All heavy atoms as atom14 arrays in JSON, in Angstrom:
{
  "sequence": "TDMNSHLSNEEQDSIIDSIPAMRIGTPDEVAEAVYSLSTQ",
  "atom14_mask": [
    [1, 1, 1, 1, 1, 1, 1, 0, 0, 0, 0, 0, 0, 0],
    [1, 1, 1, 1, 1, 1, 1, 1, 0, 0, 0, 0, 0, 0],
    [1, 1, 1, 1, 1, 1, 1, 1, 0, 0, 0, 0, 0, 0],
    [1, 1, 1, 1, 1, 1, 1, 1, 0, 0, 0, 0, 0, 0],
    [1, 1, 1, 1, 1, 1, 0, 0, 0, 0, 0, 0, 0, 0],
    [1, 1, 1, 1, 1, 1, 1, 1, 1, 1, 0, 0, 0, 0],
    [1, 1, 1, 1, 1, 1, 1, 1, 0, 0, 0, 0, 0, 0],
    [1, 1, 1, 1, 1, 1, 0, 0, 0, 0, 0, 0, 0, 0],
    [1, 1, 1, 1, 1, 1, 1, 1, 0, 0, 0, 0, 0, 0],
    [1, 1, 1, 1, 1, 1, 1, 1, 1, 0, 0, 0, 0, 0],
    [1, 1, 1, 1, 1, 1, 1, 1, 1, 0, 0, 0, 0, 0],
    [1, 1, 1, 1, 1, 1, 1, 1, 1, 0, 0, 0, 0, 0],
    [1, 1, 1, 1, 1, 1, 1, 1, 0, 0, 0, 0, 0, 0],
    [1, 1, 1, 1, 1, 1, 0, 0, 0, 0, 0, 0, 0, 0],
    [1, 1, 1, 1, 1, 1, 1, 1, 0, 0, 0, 0, 0, 0],
    [1, 1, 1, 1, 1, 1, 1, 1, 0, 0, 0, 0, 0, 0],
    [1, 1, 1, 1, 1, 1, 1, 1, 0, 0, 0, 0, 0, 0],
    [1, 1, 1, 1, 1, 1, 0, 0, 0, 0, 0, 0, 0, 0],
    [1, 1, 1, 1, 1, 1, 1, 1, 0, 0, 0, 0, 0, 0],
    [1, 1, 1, 1, 1, 1, 1, 0, 0, 0, 0, 0, 0, 0],
    [1, 1, 1, 1, 1, 0, 0, 0, 0, 0, 0, 0, 0, 0],
    [1, 1, 1, 1, 1, 1, 1, 1, 0, 0, 0, 0, 0, 0],
    [1, 1, 1, 1, 1, 1, 1, 1, 1, 1, 1, 0, 0, 0],
    [1, 1, 1, 1, 1, 1, 1, 1, 0, 0, 0, 0, 0, 0],
    [1, 1, 1, 1, 0, 0, 0, 0, 0, 0, 0, 0, 0, 0],
    [1, 1, 1, 1, 1, 1, 1, 0, 0, 0, 0, 0, 0, 0],
    [1, 1, 1, 1, 1, 1, 1, 0, 0, 0, 0, 0, 0, 0],
    [1, 1, 1, 1, 1, 1, 1, 1, 0, 0, 0, 0, 0, 0],
    [1, 1, 1, 1, 1, 1, 1, 1, 1, 0, 0, 0, 0, 0],
    [1, 1, 1, 1, 1, 1, 1, 0, 0, 0, 0, 0, 0, 0],
    [1, 1, 1, 1, 1, 0, 0, 0, 0, 0, 0, 0, 0, 0],
    [1, 1, 1, 1, 1, 1, 1, 1, 1, 0, 0, 0, 0, 0],
    [1, 1, 1, 1, 1, 0, 0, 0, 0, 0, 0, 0, 0, 0],
    [1, 1, 1, 1, 1, 1, 1, 0, 0, 0, 0, 0, 0, 0],
    [1, 1, 1, 1, 1, 1, 1, 1, 1, 1, 1, 1, 0, 0],
    [1, 1, 1, 1, 1, 1, 0, 0, 0, 0, 0, 0, 0, 0],
    [1, 1, 1, 1, 1, 1, 1, 1, 0, 0, 0, 0, 0, 0],
    [1, 1, 1, 1, 1, 1, 0, 0, 0, 0, 0, 0, 0, 0],
    [1, 1, 1, 1, 1, 1, 1, 0, 0, 0, 0, 0, 0, 0],
    [1, 1, 1, 1, 1, 1, 1, 1, 1, 0, 0, 0, 0, 0]
  ],
  "atom14_positions": [
    [[18.74, -124.02, -7.92], [18.27, -122.78, -7.3], [19.23, -122.35, -6.19], [20.12, -123.11, -5.78], [16.86, -122.96, -6.69], [16.95, -123.87, -5.59], [15.9, -123.51, -7.73], [0.0, 0.0, 0.0], [0.0, 0.0, 0.0], [0.0, 0.0, 0.0], [0.0, 0.0, 0.0], [0.0, 0.0, 0.0], [0.0, 0.0, 0.0], [0.0, 0.0, 0.0]],
    [[18.97, -121.16, -5.65], [19.79, -120.65, -4.56], [19.71, -121.53, -3.32], [20.63, -121.53, -2.5], [19.35, -119.23, -4.19], [19.71, -118.21, -5.26], [20.53, -118.55, -6.15], [19.17, -117.09, -5.22], [0.0, 0.0, 0.0], [0.0, 0.0, 0.0], [0.0, 0.0, 0.0], [0.0, 0.0, 0.0], [0.0, 0.0, 0.0], [0.0, 0.0, 0.0]],
    [[18.62, -122.28, -3.18], [18.46, -123.13, -2.01], [19.56, -124.18, -1.91], [19.9, -124.66, -0.83], [17.08, -123.82, -2.04], [16.74, -124.56, -0.77], [15.05, -125.25, -0.78], [14.09, -123.77, -0.58], [0.0, 0.0, 0.0], [0.0, 0.0, 0.0], [0.0, 0.0, 0.0], [0.0, 0.0, 0.0], [0.0, 0.0, 0.0], [0.0, 0.0, 0.0]],
    [[20.15, -124.53, -3.06], [21.22, -125.53, -3.05], [22.6, -124.91, -3.24], [23.58, -125.62, -3.47], [20.96, -126.54, -4.18], [19.68, -127.32, -3.97], [19.44, -127.84, -2.88], [18.84, -127.38, -4.99], [0.0, 0.0, 0.0], [0.0, 0.0, 0.0], [0.0, 0.0, 0.0], [0.0, 0.0, 0.0], [0.0, 0.0, 0.0], [0.0, 0.0, 0.0]],
    [[22.68, -123.59, -3.14], [23.95, -122.91, -3.37], [24.98, -123.19, -2.3], [26.19, -122.93, -2.5], [23.73, -121.39, -3.51], [23.2, -120.88, -2.31], [0.0, 0.0, 0.0], [0.0, 0.0, 0.0], [0.0, 0.0, 0.0], [0.0, 0.0, 0.0], [0.0, 0.0, 0.0], [0.0, 0.0, 0.0], [0.0, 0.0, 0.0], [0.0, 0.0, 0.0]],
    [[24.54, -123.72, -1.15], [25.5, -124.0, -0.06], [26.34, -125.24, -0.36], [27.35, -125.48, 0.3], [24.75, -124.2, 1.25], [23.87, -125.42, 1.27], [22.63, -125.45, 0.64], [24.04, -126.67, 1.81], [22.09, -126.65, 0.81], [22.92, -127.39, 1.5], [0.0, 0.0, 0.0], [0.0, 0.0, 0.0], [0.0, 0.0, 0.0], [0.0, 0.0, 0.0]],
    [[25.93, -126.01, -1.35], [26.67, -127.22, -1.68], [27.95, -126.91, -2.46], [27.94, -126.05, -3.35], [25.79, -128.18, -2.53], [24.53, -128.72, -1.87], [23.67, -129.45, -2.89], [24.9, -129.65, -0.71], [0.0, 0.0, 0.0], [0.0, 0.0, 0.0], [0.0, 0.0, 0.0], [0.0, 0.0, 0.0], [0.0, 0.0, 0.0], [0.0, 0.0, 0.0]],
    [[29.01, -127.58, -2.11], [30.27, -127.41, -2.83], [30.17, -128.1, -4.2], [29.26, -128.89, -4.44], [31.44, -128.0, -2.04], [31.31, -129.42, -1.98], [0.0, 0.0, 0.0], [0.0, 0.0, 0.0], [0.0, 0.0, 0.0], [0.0, 0.0, 0.0], [0.0, 0.0, 0.0], [0.0, 0.0, 0.0], [0.0, 0.0, 0.0], [0.0, 0.0, 0.0]],
    [[31.11, -127.78, -5.09], [31.12, -128.44, -6.4], [31.26, -129.95, -6.25], [30.64, -130.72, -6.99], [32.27, -127.89, -7.25], [32.03, -126.46, -7.68], [30.88, -126.02, -7.75], [33.09, -125.72, -7.95], [0.0, 0.0, 0.0], [0.0, 0.0, 0.0], [0.0, 0.0, 0.0], [0.0, 0.0, 0.0], [0.0, 0.0, 0.0], [0.0, 0.0, 0.0]],
    [[32.08, -130.37, -5.27], [32.28, -131.8, -5.05], [30.98, -132.46, -4.58], [30.64, -133.57, -5.03], [33.37, -132.02, -4.01], [34.79, -131.67, -4.48], [35.03, -130.15, -4.48], [34.21, -129.39, -3.86], [36.02, -129.7, -5.09], [0.0, 0.0, 0.0], [0.0, 0.0, 0.0], [0.0, 0.0, 0.0], [0.0, 0.0, 0.0], [0.0, 0.0, 0.0]],
    [[30.25, -131.77, -3.69], [29.0, -132.33, -3.21], [27.96, -132.4, -4.34], [27.23, -133.39, -4.45], [28.46, -131.45, -2.06], [29.27, -131.58, -0.78], [28.87, -130.57, 0.28], [28.52, -129.43, -0.08], [28.93, -130.93, 1.49], [0.0, 0.0, 0.0], [0.0, 0.0, 0.0], [0.0, 0.0, 0.0], [0.0, 0.0, 0.0], [0.0, 0.0, 0.0]],
    [[27.9, -131.37, -5.16], [26.97, -131.4, -6.28], [27.32, -132.53, -7.25], [26.43, -133.23, -7.75], [26.95, -130.06, -7.01], [26.28, -128.95, -6.24], [25.85, -127.8, -7.14], [25.52, -127.99, -8.3], [25.9, -126.59, -6.6], [0.0, 0.0, 0.0], [0.0, 0.0, 0.0], [0.0, 0.0, 0.0], [0.0, 0.0, 0.0], [0.0, 0.0, 0.0]],
    [[28.61, -132.69, -7.54], [29.05, -133.75, -8.45], [28.66, -135.13, -7.91], [28.26, -136.02, -8.65], [30.54, -133.68, -8.69], [30.94, -132.49, -9.54], [30.05, -131.91, -10.21], [32.14, -132.13, -9.54], [0.0, 0.0, 0.0], [0.0, 0.0, 0.0], [0.0, 0.0, 0.0], [0.0, 0.0, 0.0], [0.0, 0.0, 0.0], [0.0, 0.0, 0.0]],
    [[28.8, -135.3, -6.59], [28.46, -136.57, -5.96], [26.95, -136.86, -6.09], [26.55, -138.0, -6.38], [28.85, -136.55, -4.49], [28.45, -137.75, -3.82], [0.0, 0.0, 0.0], [0.0, 0.0, 0.0], [0.0, 0.0, 0.0], [0.0, 0.0, 0.0], [0.0, 0.0, 0.0], [0.0, 0.0, 0.0], [0.0, 0.0, 0.0], [0.0, 0.0, 0.0]],
    [[26.14, -135.82, -5.92], [24.7, -135.98, -6.07], [24.35, -136.32, -7.51], [23.53, -137.22, -7.78], [23.97, -134.71, -5.61], [24.1, -134.56, -4.1], [22.5, -134.74, -6.0], [23.6, -133.24, -3.56], [0.0, 0.0, 0.0], [0.0, 0.0, 0.0], [0.0, 0.0, 0.0], [0.0, 0.0, 0.0], [0.0, 0.0, 0.0], [0.0, 0.0, 0.0]],
    [[24.94, -135.6, -8.44], [24.66, -135.82, -9.86], [25.0, -137.26, -10.25], [24.28, -137.9, -11.03], [25.44, -134.82, -10.73], [24.84, -133.42, -10.55], [25.41, -135.21, -12.2], [25.66, -132.32, -11.2], [0.0, 0.0, 0.0], [0.0, 0.0, 0.0], [0.0, 0.0, 0.0], [0.0, 0.0, 0.0], [0.0, 0.0, 0.0], [0.0, 0.0, 0.0]],
    [[26.08, -137.8, -9.67], [26.47, -139.17, -9.97], [25.41, -140.17, -9.54], [25.33, -141.28, -10.08], [27.79, -139.51, -9.25], [29.0, -138.88, -9.94], [28.86, -138.47, -11.12], [30.06, -138.8, -9.31], [0.0, 0.0, 0.0], [0.0, 0.0, 0.0], [0.0, 0.0, 0.0], [0.0, 0.0, 0.0], [0.0, 0.0, 0.0], [0.0, 0.0, 0.0]],
    [[24.57, -139.79, -8.57], [23.55, -140.71, -8.06], [22.18, -140.5, -8.73], [21.24, -141.24, -8.46], [23.39, -140.54, -6.54], [22.9, -139.26, -6.22], [0.0, 0.0, 0.0], [0.0, 0.0, 0.0], [0.0, 0.0, 0.0], [0.0, 0.0, 0.0], [0.0, 0.0, 0.0], [0.0, 0.0, 0.0], [0.0, 0.0, 0.0], [0.0, 0.0, 0.0]],
    [[22.08, -139.49, -9.59], [20.83, -139.23, -10.31], [20.89, -139.91, -11.68], [21.77, -139.62, -12.47], [20.63, -137.7, -10.49], [20.53, -137.01, -9.12], [19.36, -137.43, -11.32], [20.47, -135.49, -9.21], [0.0, 0.0, 0.0], [0.0, 0.0, 0.0], [0.0, 0.0, 0.0], [0.0, 0.0, 0.0], [0.0, 0.0, 0.0], [0.0, 0.0, 0.0]],
    [[19.96, -140.8, -11.96], [19.99, -141.5, -13.26], [20.01, -140.56, -14.46], [20.63, -140.88, -15.49], [18.71, -142.35, -13.22], [18.51, -142.65, -11.79], [18.93, -141.39, -11.08], [0.0, 0.0, 0.0], [0.0, 0.0, 0.0], [0.0, 0.0, 0.0], [0.0, 0.0, 0.0], [0.0, 0.0, 0.0], [0.0, 0.0, 0.0], [0.0, 0.0, 0.0]],
    [[19.34, -139.42, -14.36], [19.35, -138.48, -15.48], [20.7, -137.77, -15.63], [20.93, -137.06, -16.62], [18.26, -137.43, -15.3], [0.0, 0.0, 0.0], [0.0, 0.0, 0.0], [0.0, 0.0, 0.0], [0.0, 0.0, 0.0], [0.0, 0.0, 0.0], [0.0, 0.0, 0.0], [0.0, 0.0, 0.0], [0.0, 0.0, 0.0], [0.0, 0.0, 0.0]],
    [[21.58, -137.95, -14.63], [22.96, -137.44, -14.64], [23.03, -135.91, -14.75], [23.94, -135.34, -15.34], [23.73, -138.06, -15.81], [23.95, -139.56, -15.67], [24.8, -140.0, -14.13], [26.42, -139.26, -14.4], [0.0, 0.0, 0.0], [0.0, 0.0, 0.0], [0.0, 0.0, 0.0], [0.0, 0.0, 0.0], [0.0, 0.0, 0.0], [0.0, 0.0, 0.0]],
    [[22.07, -135.24, -14.15], [22.12, -133.77, -14.1], [21.13, -133.25, -13.06], [20.26, -134.0, -12.58], [21.77, -133.17, -15.46], [20.34, -133.44, -15.94], [20.08, -132.78, -17.27], [18.71, -133.02, -17.77], [17.65, -132.28, -17.43], [17.79, -131.25, -16.59], [16.46, -132.57, -17.9], [0.0, 0.0, 0.0], [0.0, 0.0, 0.0], [0.0, 0.0, 0.0]],
    [[21.28, -131.99, -12.75], [20.34, -131.29, -11.87], [19.21, -130.71, -12.71], [19.43, -130.31, -13.86], [21.08, -130.16, -11.1], [22.1, -130.78, -10.14], [20.1, -129.28, -10.34], [22.97, -129.76, -9.45], [0.0, 0.0, 0.0], [0.0, 0.0, 0.0], [0.0, 0.0, 0.0], [0.0, 0.0, 0.0], [0.0, 0.0, 0.0], [0.0, 0.0, 0.0]],
    [[18.01, -130.69, -12.17], [16.88, -130.1, -12.88], [16.94, -128.59, -12.9], [17.68, -127.96, -12.15], [0.0, 0.0, 0.0], [0.0, 0.0, 0.0], [0.0, 0.0, 0.0], [0.0, 0.0, 0.0], [0.0, 0.0, 0.0], [0.0, 0.0, 0.0], [0.0, 0.0, 0.0], [0.0, 0.0, 0.0], [0.0, 0.0, 0.0], [0.0, 0.0, 0.0]],
    [[16.16, -127.99, -13.78], [16.13, -126.55, -13.91], [14.79, -125.99, -13.44], [13.76, -126.66, -13.53], [16.37, -126.08, -15.36], [15.2, -126.43, -16.14], [17.61, -126.75, -15.94], [0.0, 0.0, 0.0], [0.0, 0.0, 0.0], [0.0, 0.0, 0.0], [0.0, 0.0, 0.0], [0.0, 0.0, 0.0], [0.0, 0.0, 0.0], [0.0, 0.0, 0.0]],
    [[14.77, -124.73, -12.96], [13.5, -124.11, -12.59], [12.5, -124.05, -13.73], [11.3, -124.19, -13.51], [13.92, -122.69, -12.14], [15.34, -122.87, -11.67], [15.93, -123.87, -12.6], [0.0, 0.0, 0.0], [0.0, 0.0, 0.0], [0.0, 0.0, 0.0], [0.0, 0.0, 0.0], [0.0, 0.0, 0.0], [0.0, 0.0, 0.0], [0.0, 0.0, 0.0]],
    [[13.0, -123.87, -14.94], [12.09, -123.81, -16.1], [11.39, -125.16, -16.31], [10.22, -125.19, -16.74], [12.86, -123.43, -17.36], [13.24, -121.95, -17.38], [12.73, -121.19, -16.52], [14.04, -121.56, -18.24], [0.0, 0.0, 0.0], [0.0, 0.0, 0.0], [0.0, 0.0, 0.0], [0.0, 0.0, 0.0], [0.0, 0.0, 0.0], [0.0, 0.0, 0.0]],
    [[12.08, -126.25, -16.02], [11.45, -127.56, -16.17], [10.34, -127.74, -15.13], [9.27, -128.3, -15.42], [12.49, -128.67, -16.04], [13.43, -128.77, -17.22], [14.54, -129.78, -17.02], [15.19, -129.75, -15.95], [14.76, -130.61, -17.91], [0.0, 0.0, 0.0], [0.0, 0.0, 0.0], [0.0, 0.0, 0.0], [0.0, 0.0, 0.0], [0.0, 0.0, 0.0]],
    [[10.59, -127.28, -13.92], [9.58, -127.34, -12.89], [8.38, -126.48, -13.28], [7.23, -126.87, -13.14], [10.12, -126.87, -11.53], [9.03, -126.88, -10.47], [11.29, -127.78, -11.09], [0.0, 0.0, 0.0], [0.0, 0.0, 0.0], [0.0, 0.0, 0.0], [0.0, 0.0, 0.0], [0.0, 0.0, 0.0], [0.0, 0.0, 0.0], [0.0, 0.0, 0.0]],
    [[8.66, -125.28, -13.8], [7.6, -124.37, -14.22], [6.72, -124.98, -15.3], [5.5, -124.85, -15.26], [8.21, -123.06, -14.71], [0.0, 0.0, 0.0], [0.0, 0.0, 0.0], [0.0, 0.0, 0.0], [0.0, 0.0, 0.0], [0.0, 0.0, 0.0], [0.0, 0.0, 0.0], [0.0, 0.0, 0.0], [0.0, 0.0, 0.0], [0.0, 0.0, 0.0]],
    [[7.32, -125.67, -16.23], [6.56, -126.31, -17.3], [5.65, -127.41, -16.73], [4.5, -127.57, -17.15], [7.49, -126.89, -18.36], [6.81, -127.34, -19.63], [6.11, -126.2, -20.35], [6.69, -125.11, -20.47], [4.95, -126.41, -20.81], [0.0, 0.0, 0.0], [0.0, 0.0, 0.0], [0.0, 0.0, 0.0], [0.0, 0.0, 0.0], [0.0, 0.0, 0.0]],
    [[6.18, -128.15, -15.75], [5.39, -129.21, -15.11], [4.22, -128.6, -14.34], [3.11, -129.15, -14.36], [6.27, -130.04, -14.2], [0.0, 0.0, 0.0], [0.0, 0.0, 0.0], [0.0, 0.0, 0.0], [0.0, 0.0, 0.0], [0.0, 0.0, 0.0], [0.0, 0.0, 0.0], [0.0, 0.0, 0.0], [0.0, 0.0, 0.0], [0.0, 0.0, 0.0]],
    [[4.47, -127.49, -13.66], [3.41, -126.83, -12.91], [2.32, -126.33, -13.86], [1.12, -126.51, -13.61], [3.97, -125.65, -12.08], [2.84, -124.81, -11.51], [4.86, -126.18, -10.95], [0.0, 0.0, 0.0], [0.0, 0.0, 0.0], [0.0, 0.0, 0.0], [0.0, 0.0, 0.0], [0.0, 0.0, 0.0], [0.0, 0.0, 0.0], [0.0, 0.0, 0.0]],
    [[2.73, -125.72, -14.96], [1.74, -125.23, -15.91], [0.92, -126.4, -16.46], [-0.31, -126.31, -16.58], [2.39, -124.47, -17.05], [1.39, -124.05, -18.09], [0.5, -123.01, -17.8], [1.26, -124.72, -19.3], [-0.47, -122.65, -18.72], [0.29, -124.36, -20.21], [-0.58, -123.33, -19.93], [-1.54, -122.98, -20.82], [0.0, 0.0, 0.0], [0.0, 0.0, 0.0]],
    [[1.59, -127.5, -16.79], [0.89, -128.66, -17.3], [-0.14, -129.17, -16.29], [-1.28, -129.51, -16.66], [1.89, -129.77, -17.64], [1.23, -130.93, -18.11], [0.0, 0.0, 0.0], [0.0, 0.0, 0.0], [0.0, 0.0, 0.0], [0.0, 0.0, 0.0], [0.0, 0.0, 0.0], [0.0, 0.0, 0.0], [0.0, 0.0, 0.0], [0.0, 0.0, 0.0]],
    [[0.25, -129.21, -15.02], [-0.7, -129.65, -13.98], [-1.91, -128.75, -13.92], [-3.04, -129.21, -13.69], [0.01, -129.64, -12.62], [0.63, -130.95, -12.11], [1.27, -130.72, -10.76], [-0.4, -132.05, -12.04], [0.0, 0.0, 0.0], [0.0, 0.0, 0.0], [0.0, 0.0, 0.0], [0.0, 0.0, 0.0], [0.0, 0.0, 0.0], [0.0, 0.0, 0.0]],
    [[-1.69, -127.45, -14.12], [-2.8, -126.5, -14.01], [-3.82, -126.65, -15.15], [-4.93, -126.15, -15.04], [-2.26, -125.07, -14.02], [-1.87, -124.67, -15.32], [0.0, 0.0, 0.0], [0.0, 0.0, 0.0], [0.0, 0.0, 0.0], [0.0, 0.0, 0.0], [0.0, 0.0, 0.0], [0.0, 0.0, 0.0], [0.0, 0.0, 0.0], [0.0, 0.0, 0.0]],
    [[-3.42, -127.34, -16.2], [-4.32, -127.49, -17.36], [-4.99, -128.87, -17.4], [-5.8, -129.12, -18.3], [-3.55, -127.28, -18.67], [-2.57, -128.32, -18.82], [-2.85, -125.92, -18.68], [0.0, 0.0, 0.0], [0.0, 0.0, 0.0], [0.0, 0.0, 0.0], [0.0, 0.0, 0.0], [0.0, 0.0, 0.0], [0.0, 0.0, 0.0], [0.0, 0.0, 0.0]],
    [[-4.63, -129.74, -16.49], [-5.18, -131.09, -16.49], [-6.63, -131.13, -15.99], [-7.1, -130.24, -15.3], [-4.32, -132.01, -15.62], [-2.89, -132.18, -16.11], [-2.8, -132.78, -17.47], [-3.47, -133.8, -17.76], [-2.02, -132.19, -18.34], [0.0, 0.0, 0.0], [0.0, 0.0, 0.0], [0.0, 0.0, 0.0], [0.0, 0.0, 0.0], [0.0, 0.0, 0.0]]
  ]
}
């Protein structure tokens, strides 16, 4: 999201290296999780 736009490419790559899933999440994935919570 734009909230993380201040990070440089190098900083983002460093963070991704520390995430086991090896990637950044997407807003659509969060949205799907929120919708699922609303139906529980």
